[in-house]
N, C-alpha and C. Protein backbone atom coordinates (compact mmCIF):
# COMPACT_ATOMS: atom_id res chain seq x y z
N MET A 1 0.84 -1.18 0.00
CA MET A 1 0.00 0.00 0.00
C MET A 1 0.88 1.25 0.00
N ARG A 2 0.50 2.22 -0.76
CA ARG A 2 1.25 3.45 -0.92
C ARG A 2 1.18 4.31 0.34
N ASN A 3 2.33 4.85 0.74
CA ASN A 3 2.40 5.77 1.88
C ASN A 3 1.94 7.14 1.40
N LYS A 4 0.85 7.63 1.91
CA LYS A 4 0.26 8.90 1.44
C LYS A 4 1.13 10.11 1.78
N LYS A 5 2.10 9.95 2.70
CA LYS A 5 3.00 11.06 3.03
C LYS A 5 4.11 11.21 2.00
N ASN A 6 4.37 10.15 1.24
CA ASN A 6 5.42 10.21 0.22
C ASN A 6 4.97 11.03 -0.97
N LYS A 7 5.93 11.58 -1.68
CA LYS A 7 5.68 12.34 -2.90
C LYS A 7 5.70 11.41 -4.09
N HIS A 8 4.92 11.72 -5.10
CA HIS A 8 4.87 10.93 -6.33
C HIS A 8 5.64 11.68 -7.41
N LEU A 9 6.46 10.96 -8.15
CA LEU A 9 7.24 11.55 -9.23
C LEU A 9 6.97 10.77 -10.50
N GLY A 10 6.39 11.42 -11.48
CA GLY A 10 6.14 10.77 -12.77
C GLY A 10 7.18 11.23 -13.78
N ILE A 11 7.74 10.29 -14.54
CA ILE A 11 8.73 10.65 -15.56
C ILE A 11 8.37 9.95 -16.87
N GLU A 12 8.79 10.55 -17.96
CA GLU A 12 8.68 9.91 -19.26
C GLU A 12 10.04 9.30 -19.57
N ILE A 13 10.01 8.11 -20.15
CA ILE A 13 11.26 7.40 -20.46
C ILE A 13 11.08 6.66 -21.78
N ASP A 14 12.11 6.70 -22.62
CA ASP A 14 11.99 6.04 -23.92
C ASP A 14 12.03 4.52 -23.73
N PRO A 15 11.45 3.78 -24.67
CA PRO A 15 11.33 2.32 -24.51
C PRO A 15 12.66 1.58 -24.31
N GLU A 16 13.71 2.00 -24.98
CA GLU A 16 15.00 1.32 -24.83
C GLU A 16 15.56 1.50 -23.42
N LEU A 17 15.51 2.72 -22.91
CA LEU A 17 15.99 2.98 -21.57
C LEU A 17 15.12 2.28 -20.52
N HIS A 18 13.82 2.22 -20.77
CA HIS A 18 12.89 1.53 -19.89
C HIS A 18 13.25 0.04 -19.81
N TYR A 19 13.50 -0.56 -20.94
CA TYR A 19 13.89 -1.97 -20.99
C TYR A 19 15.18 -2.20 -20.20
N LYS A 20 16.17 -1.33 -20.43
CA LYS A 20 17.46 -1.48 -19.78
C LYS A 20 17.35 -1.28 -18.27
N LEU A 21 16.52 -0.34 -17.84
CA LEU A 21 16.28 -0.14 -16.41
C LEU A 21 15.73 -1.40 -15.78
N HIS A 22 14.72 -2.00 -16.41
CA HIS A 22 14.13 -3.22 -15.88
C HIS A 22 15.13 -4.39 -15.90
N TYR A 23 15.96 -4.45 -16.92
CA TYR A 23 16.97 -5.50 -17.01
C TYR A 23 17.95 -5.40 -15.83
N ILE A 24 18.47 -4.19 -15.59
CA ILE A 24 19.42 -3.98 -14.50
C ILE A 24 18.74 -4.20 -13.15
N SER A 25 17.52 -3.71 -13.01
CA SER A 25 16.77 -3.88 -11.76
C SER A 25 16.63 -5.35 -11.42
N LYS A 26 16.23 -6.15 -12.41
CA LYS A 26 16.06 -7.58 -12.19
C LYS A 26 17.40 -8.22 -11.83
N TYR A 27 18.45 -7.85 -12.52
CA TYR A 27 19.78 -8.39 -12.26
C TYR A 27 20.22 -8.11 -10.82
N GLU A 28 19.89 -6.92 -10.32
CA GLU A 28 20.30 -6.52 -8.97
C GLU A 28 19.27 -6.86 -7.91
N GLY A 29 18.19 -7.52 -8.31
CA GLY A 29 17.19 -7.97 -7.34
C GLY A 29 16.28 -6.89 -6.81
N ARG A 30 16.05 -5.87 -7.62
CA ARG A 30 15.17 -4.78 -7.21
C ARG A 30 14.05 -4.61 -8.23
N SER A 31 12.99 -3.96 -7.79
CA SER A 31 11.98 -3.52 -8.74
C SER A 31 12.54 -2.29 -9.46
N ALA A 32 11.91 -1.89 -10.54
CA ALA A 32 12.36 -0.68 -11.25
C ALA A 32 12.26 0.52 -10.32
N ASN A 33 11.17 0.61 -9.56
CA ASN A 33 11.00 1.71 -8.62
C ASN A 33 12.10 1.68 -7.56
N GLY A 34 12.39 0.49 -7.03
CA GLY A 34 13.45 0.34 -6.05
C GLY A 34 14.81 0.74 -6.61
N GLN A 35 15.05 0.39 -7.86
CA GLN A 35 16.32 0.74 -8.51
C GLN A 35 16.44 2.25 -8.65
N ILE A 36 15.37 2.91 -9.06
CA ILE A 36 15.39 4.37 -9.20
C ILE A 36 15.65 5.03 -7.85
N LEU A 37 14.97 4.56 -6.80
CA LEU A 37 15.19 5.12 -5.47
C LEU A 37 16.62 4.89 -5.01
N TYR A 38 17.17 3.70 -5.28
CA TYR A 38 18.56 3.40 -4.94
C TYR A 38 19.49 4.39 -5.63
N LEU A 39 19.28 4.63 -6.91
CA LEU A 39 20.14 5.53 -7.67
C LEU A 39 20.02 6.97 -7.19
N ILE A 40 18.81 7.41 -6.85
CA ILE A 40 18.62 8.77 -6.33
C ILE A 40 19.34 8.92 -4.99
N ARG A 41 19.16 7.95 -4.10
CA ARG A 41 19.83 8.01 -2.78
C ARG A 41 21.36 8.04 -2.96
N LYS A 42 21.86 7.22 -3.89
CA LYS A 42 23.30 7.17 -4.15
C LYS A 42 23.79 8.53 -4.66
N CYS A 43 23.04 9.14 -5.55
CA CYS A 43 23.39 10.45 -6.09
C CYS A 43 23.41 11.51 -4.99
N VAL A 44 22.39 11.51 -4.13
CA VAL A 44 22.32 12.48 -3.03
C VAL A 44 23.49 12.30 -2.08
N LYS A 45 23.79 11.05 -1.74
CA LYS A 45 24.90 10.75 -0.82
C LYS A 45 26.23 11.23 -1.40
N GLU A 46 26.47 10.96 -2.69
CA GLU A 46 27.71 11.39 -3.33
C GLU A 46 27.80 12.91 -3.36
N PHE A 47 26.69 13.57 -3.65
CA PHE A 47 26.66 15.03 -3.67
C PHE A 47 26.99 15.59 -2.29
N GLU A 48 26.32 15.05 -1.26
CA GLU A 48 26.53 15.55 0.10
C GLU A 48 27.94 15.26 0.61
N ASN A 49 28.55 14.18 0.17
CA ASN A 49 29.93 13.90 0.55
C ASN A 49 30.89 14.96 0.04
N VAL A 50 30.57 15.54 -1.11
CA VAL A 50 31.42 16.57 -1.71
C VAL A 50 31.02 17.97 -1.24
N GLU A 51 29.74 18.26 -1.27
CA GLU A 51 29.25 19.62 -1.05
C GLU A 51 28.71 19.88 0.36
N GLY A 52 28.55 18.85 1.15
CA GLY A 52 27.98 19.01 2.49
C GLY A 52 26.51 18.64 2.50
N GLU A 53 26.03 18.42 3.72
CA GLU A 53 24.64 17.98 3.89
C GLU A 53 23.65 19.02 3.39
N ILE A 54 22.64 18.53 2.72
CA ILE A 54 21.54 19.39 2.26
C ILE A 54 20.55 19.51 3.41
N LYS A 55 20.29 20.72 3.85
CA LYS A 55 19.35 20.95 4.94
C LYS A 55 17.92 20.85 4.39
N VAL A 56 17.10 20.07 5.04
CA VAL A 56 15.72 19.89 4.62
C VAL A 56 14.86 20.82 5.45
N GLU A 57 14.16 21.71 4.78
CA GLU A 57 13.35 22.71 5.46
C GLU A 57 11.88 22.52 5.10
N LEU A 58 11.41 21.31 5.27
CA LEU A 58 10.01 20.98 4.98
C LEU A 58 9.24 20.82 6.26
N GLU A 59 8.04 21.34 6.28
CA GLU A 59 7.15 21.11 7.41
C GLU A 59 6.43 19.80 7.14
N ILE A 60 6.57 18.87 8.05
CA ILE A 60 5.92 17.57 7.88
C ILE A 60 4.57 17.63 8.55
N LYS A 61 3.51 17.49 7.74
CA LYS A 61 2.14 17.54 8.27
C LYS A 61 1.75 16.19 8.82
N LYS A 62 1.10 16.19 9.96
CA LYS A 62 0.65 14.93 10.56
C LYS A 62 -0.82 14.70 10.30
């Protein structure tokens, strides 16, 4: 079940890249969504290691 507090991100992707994403995801034992989240987290971590922590200034509604 989807966590309603999470944000939804829709992207367009060409068929060849879509196929390759699913291929790699399956190879690494992740869903395509899981693979995308893994790559985003990896990118953020690498950025923060170089540039410093990104301060999150969001109000979390309960």
